[in-house]
Amino acid sequence: VIWFITLKFLRPSIVGGAAIAFLMSFENFNTTLFLVGADSTLPINLYQQVRDGSTPVINAISFILIISTSIIAVANLYVGNKKEK
């Protein structure tokens, strides 16, 4: 019952919450930069690589982020259009 009913209705909320949390982690860059410990987040890692001049790695990571975001957006459009029909 939980898998077929409850999670079916909660799936959009869970995905939306995860997307908002991911975007907020990029938005709070200054706070994260000052409070970073031994483990760094992806935005902090990208910033450190830009500061050190490691551009090929930054280009690859940025490309992966753009492609993954585009795939999620297209999948969301596909699922949304499929539900409307």
N, C-alpha and C. Protein backbone atom coordinates (compact mmCIF):
# COMPACT_ATOMS: atom_id res chain seq x y z
N VAL A 1 0.83 -1.19 0.00
CA VAL A 1 0.00 0.00 0.00
C VAL A 1 0.88 1.25 0.00
N ILE A 2 1.93 1.24 0.82
CA ILE A 2 2.79 2.42 0.88
C ILE A 2 3.47 2.67 -0.46
N TRP A 3 3.96 1.61 -1.11
CA TRP A 3 4.69 1.79 -2.36
C TRP A 3 3.80 2.24 -3.50
N PHE A 4 2.58 1.73 -3.55
CA PHE A 4 1.74 2.01 -4.71
C PHE A 4 0.83 3.22 -4.53
N ILE A 5 0.52 3.58 -3.31
CA ILE A 5 -0.40 4.70 -3.10
C ILE A 5 0.32 5.90 -2.51
N THR A 6 0.91 5.73 -1.35
CA THR A 6 1.49 6.86 -0.64
C THR A 6 2.67 7.46 -1.40
N LEU A 7 3.63 6.63 -1.78
CA LEU A 7 4.81 7.15 -2.47
C LEU A 7 4.48 7.66 -3.87
N LYS A 8 3.44 7.13 -4.48
CA LYS A 8 3.03 7.63 -5.80
C LYS A 8 2.61 9.08 -5.70
N PHE A 9 1.91 9.43 -4.64
CA PHE A 9 1.47 10.81 -4.46
C PHE A 9 2.57 11.70 -3.89
N LEU A 10 3.50 11.12 -3.15
CA LEU A 10 4.58 11.91 -2.55
C LEU A 10 5.77 12.12 -3.49
N ARG A 11 5.85 11.36 -4.56
CA ARG A 11 7.01 11.44 -5.45
C ARG A 11 7.27 12.85 -5.98
N PRO A 12 6.27 13.61 -6.47
CA PRO A 12 6.57 14.98 -6.92
C PRO A 12 7.09 15.88 -5.81
N SER A 13 6.57 15.71 -4.61
CA SER A 13 7.04 16.53 -3.49
C SER A 13 8.47 16.18 -3.10
N ILE A 14 8.80 14.90 -3.12
CA ILE A 14 10.15 14.47 -2.77
C ILE A 14 11.14 14.97 -3.82
N VAL A 15 10.80 14.85 -5.09
CA VAL A 15 11.69 15.32 -6.15
C VAL A 15 11.83 16.84 -6.09
N GLY A 16 10.74 17.54 -5.87
CA GLY A 16 10.80 19.00 -5.76
C GLY A 16 11.63 19.45 -4.57
N GLY A 17 11.46 18.79 -3.44
CA GLY A 17 12.26 19.13 -2.25
C GLY A 17 13.73 18.87 -2.46
N ALA A 18 14.05 17.77 -3.14
CA ALA A 18 15.46 17.47 -3.42
C ALA A 18 16.05 18.51 -4.36
N ALA A 19 15.29 18.93 -5.37
CA ALA A 19 15.78 19.95 -6.30
C ALA A 19 16.00 21.28 -5.59
N ILE A 20 15.08 21.67 -4.73
CA ILE A 20 15.24 22.93 -3.99
C ILE A 20 16.45 22.86 -3.06
N ALA A 21 16.63 21.74 -2.38
CA ALA A 21 17.79 21.59 -1.49
C ALA A 21 19.09 21.66 -2.28
N PHE A 22 19.12 21.04 -3.46
CA PHE A 22 20.32 21.07 -4.30
C PHE A 22 20.62 22.50 -4.75
N LEU A 23 19.59 23.22 -5.19
CA LEU A 23 19.81 24.60 -5.64
C LEU A 23 20.19 25.52 -4.50
N MET A 24 19.64 25.29 -3.32
CA MET A 24 20.00 26.13 -2.17
C MET A 24 21.44 25.89 -1.75
N SER A 25 21.96 24.69 -1.98
CA SER A 25 23.37 24.45 -1.64
C SER A 25 24.29 25.27 -2.53
N PHE A 26 23.88 25.52 -3.78
CA PHE A 26 24.67 26.38 -4.65
C PHE A 26 24.46 27.85 -4.30
N GLU A 27 23.27 28.19 -3.84
CA GLU A 27 22.96 29.58 -3.52
C GLU A 27 23.70 30.07 -2.28
N ASN A 28 23.87 29.23 -1.30
CA ASN A 28 24.52 29.61 -0.04
C ASN A 28 26.03 29.42 -0.12
N PHE A 29 26.62 29.89 -1.18
CA PHE A 29 28.06 29.68 -1.40
C PHE A 29 28.91 30.39 -0.36
N ASN A 30 28.60 31.66 -0.06
CA ASN A 30 29.44 32.42 0.88
C ASN A 30 29.45 31.79 2.26
N THR A 31 28.28 31.40 2.74
CA THR A 31 28.20 30.77 4.06
C THR A 31 28.98 29.46 4.07
N THR A 32 28.80 28.68 3.03
CA THR A 32 29.49 27.39 2.94
C THR A 32 31.00 27.59 2.85
N LEU A 33 31.44 28.62 2.13
CA LEU A 33 32.87 28.88 2.00
C LEU A 33 33.51 29.19 3.34
N PHE A 34 32.82 29.96 4.18
CA PHE A 34 33.39 30.31 5.48
C PHE A 34 33.30 29.17 6.49
N LEU A 35 32.33 28.30 6.34
CA LEU A 35 32.12 27.25 7.33
C LEU A 35 32.63 25.87 6.91
N VAL A 36 33.30 25.79 5.75
CA VAL A 36 33.73 24.50 5.24
C VAL A 36 34.78 23.88 6.16
N GLY A 37 34.65 22.57 6.32
CA GLY A 37 35.60 21.83 7.15
C GLY A 37 36.54 21.04 6.28
N ALA A 38 36.80 19.81 6.68
CA ALA A 38 37.72 18.95 5.93
C ALA A 38 37.09 18.49 4.61
N ASP A 39 35.79 18.24 4.62
CA ASP A 39 35.08 17.82 3.41
C ASP A 39 34.47 19.04 2.74
N SER A 40 34.67 19.18 1.43
CA SER A 40 34.12 20.33 0.74
C SER A 40 32.97 19.91 -0.16
N THR A 41 32.03 20.82 -0.36
CA THR A 41 30.90 20.56 -1.25
C THR A 41 31.32 20.82 -2.69
N LEU A 42 30.45 20.49 -3.64
CA LEU A 42 30.77 20.67 -5.05
C LEU A 42 31.03 22.13 -5.41
N PRO A 43 30.21 23.09 -4.98
CA PRO A 43 30.52 24.49 -5.32
C PRO A 43 31.87 24.96 -4.75
N ILE A 44 32.19 24.53 -3.54
CA ILE A 44 33.47 24.91 -2.94
C ILE A 44 34.62 24.27 -3.71
N ASN A 45 34.45 23.02 -4.11
CA ASN A 45 35.47 22.33 -4.89
C ASN A 45 35.69 23.02 -6.23
N LEU A 46 34.60 23.41 -6.90
CA LEU A 46 34.72 24.13 -8.17
C LEU A 46 35.44 25.47 -7.97
N TYR A 47 35.09 26.18 -6.91
CA TYR A 47 35.73 27.47 -6.63
C TYR A 47 37.23 27.29 -6.39
N GLN A 48 37.60 26.28 -5.64
CA GLN A 48 39.01 26.04 -5.36
C GLN A 48 39.78 25.67 -6.63
N GLN A 49 39.13 24.93 -7.53
CA GLN A 49 39.80 24.58 -8.78
C GLN A 49 39.94 25.79 -9.70
N VAL A 50 38.94 26.69 -9.69
CA VAL A 50 39.06 27.92 -10.47
C VAL A 50 40.20 28.77 -9.92
N ARG A 51 40.28 28.85 -8.61
CA ARG A 51 41.33 29.64 -7.96
C ARG A 51 42.72 29.07 -8.27
N ASP A 52 42.82 27.74 -8.33
CA ASP A 52 44.10 27.11 -8.61
C ASP A 52 44.42 27.01 -10.10
N GLY A 53 43.44 27.29 -10.96
CA GLY A 53 43.67 27.30 -12.40
C GLY A 53 43.50 25.97 -13.09
N SER A 54 42.69 25.08 -12.56
CA SER A 54 42.46 23.77 -13.16
C SER A 54 41.20 23.82 -14.02
N THR A 55 41.31 24.37 -15.23
CA THR A 55 40.12 24.60 -16.05
C THR A 55 39.56 23.36 -16.75
N PRO A 56 40.34 22.38 -17.22
CA PRO A 56 39.72 21.23 -17.89
C PRO A 56 38.77 20.45 -16.98
N VAL A 57 39.12 20.31 -15.74
CA VAL A 57 38.26 19.59 -14.80
C VAL A 57 36.98 20.37 -14.56
N ILE A 58 37.09 21.68 -14.44
CA ILE A 58 35.92 22.52 -14.22
C ILE A 58 34.99 22.45 -15.42
N ASN A 59 35.56 22.47 -16.62
CA ASN A 59 34.73 22.36 -17.82
C ASN A 59 33.97 21.04 -17.85
N ALA A 60 34.62 19.97 -17.48
CA ALA A 60 33.97 18.65 -17.48
C ALA A 60 32.86 18.59 -16.44
N ILE A 61 33.12 19.08 -15.23
CA ILE A 61 32.11 19.04 -14.18
C ILE A 61 30.92 19.93 -14.55
N SER A 62 31.20 21.10 -15.11
CA SER A 62 30.12 22.00 -15.52
C SER A 62 29.28 21.36 -16.62
N PHE A 63 29.93 20.69 -17.56
CA PHE A 63 29.20 20.01 -18.63
C PHE A 63 28.31 18.91 -18.07
N ILE A 64 28.82 18.14 -17.12
CA ILE A 64 28.03 17.08 -16.50
C ILE A 64 26.83 17.67 -15.76
N LEU A 65 27.03 18.78 -15.04
CA LEU A 65 25.91 19.42 -14.34
C LEU A 65 24.85 19.92 -15.31
N ILE A 66 25.27 20.52 -16.42
CA ILE A 66 24.32 21.02 -17.41
C ILE A 66 23.56 19.88 -18.05
N ILE A 67 24.24 18.81 -18.43
CA ILE A 67 23.58 17.66 -19.06
C ILE A 67 22.62 16.99 -18.09
N SER A 68 23.03 16.79 -16.84
CA SER A 68 22.15 16.13 -15.88
C SER A 68 20.91 16.98 -15.59
N THR A 69 21.08 18.29 -15.49
CA THR A 69 19.93 19.17 -15.28
C THR A 69 19.01 19.15 -16.49
N SER A 70 19.57 19.13 -17.69
CA SER A 70 18.76 19.08 -18.90
C SER A 70 17.99 17.77 -19.00
N ILE A 71 18.62 16.66 -18.65
CA ILE A 71 17.94 15.36 -18.68
C ILE A 71 16.79 15.34 -17.69
N ILE A 72 17.00 15.87 -16.50
CA ILE A 72 15.92 15.92 -15.51
C ILE A 72 14.77 16.80 -16.00
N ALA A 73 15.09 17.94 -16.62
CA ALA A 73 14.05 18.83 -17.12
C ALA A 73 13.24 18.18 -18.24
N VAL A 74 13.92 17.52 -19.17
CA VAL A 74 13.22 16.85 -20.27
C VAL A 74 12.38 15.69 -19.75
N ALA A 75 12.91 14.93 -18.79
CA ALA A 75 12.14 13.83 -18.21
C ALA A 75 10.90 14.36 -17.49
N ASN A 76 11.04 15.48 -16.81
CA ASN A 76 9.90 16.09 -16.14
C ASN A 76 8.84 16.53 -17.15
N LEU A 77 9.26 17.12 -18.25
CA LEU A 77 8.31 17.51 -19.29
C LEU A 77 7.62 16.29 -19.90
N TYR A 78 8.39 15.24 -20.13
CA TYR A 78 7.83 14.02 -20.72
C TYR A 78 6.80 13.39 -19.79
N VAL A 79 7.12 13.28 -18.52
CA VAL A 79 6.19 12.69 -17.55
C VAL A 79 4.96 13.58 -17.39
N GLY A 80 5.16 14.89 -17.37
CA GLY A 80 4.03 15.81 -17.25
C GLY A 80 3.10 15.73 -18.44
N ASN A 81 3.66 15.65 -19.65
CA ASN A 81 2.83 15.53 -20.86
C ASN A 81 2.15 14.18 -20.92
N LYS A 82 2.81 13.15 -20.43
CA LYS A 82 2.24 11.81 -20.45
C LYS A 82 1.04 11.72 -19.51
N LYS A 83 1.11 12.40 -18.36
CA LYS A 83 0.00 12.38 -17.41
C LYS A 83 -1.20 13.17 -17.91
N GLU A 84 -0.96 14.22 -18.71
CA GLU A 84 -2.06 15.04 -19.21
C GLU A 84 -2.88 14.32 -20.26
N LYS A 85 -2.29 13.39 -20.99
CA LYS A 85 -3.00 12.69 -22.07
C LYS A 85 -3.90 11.64 -21.56
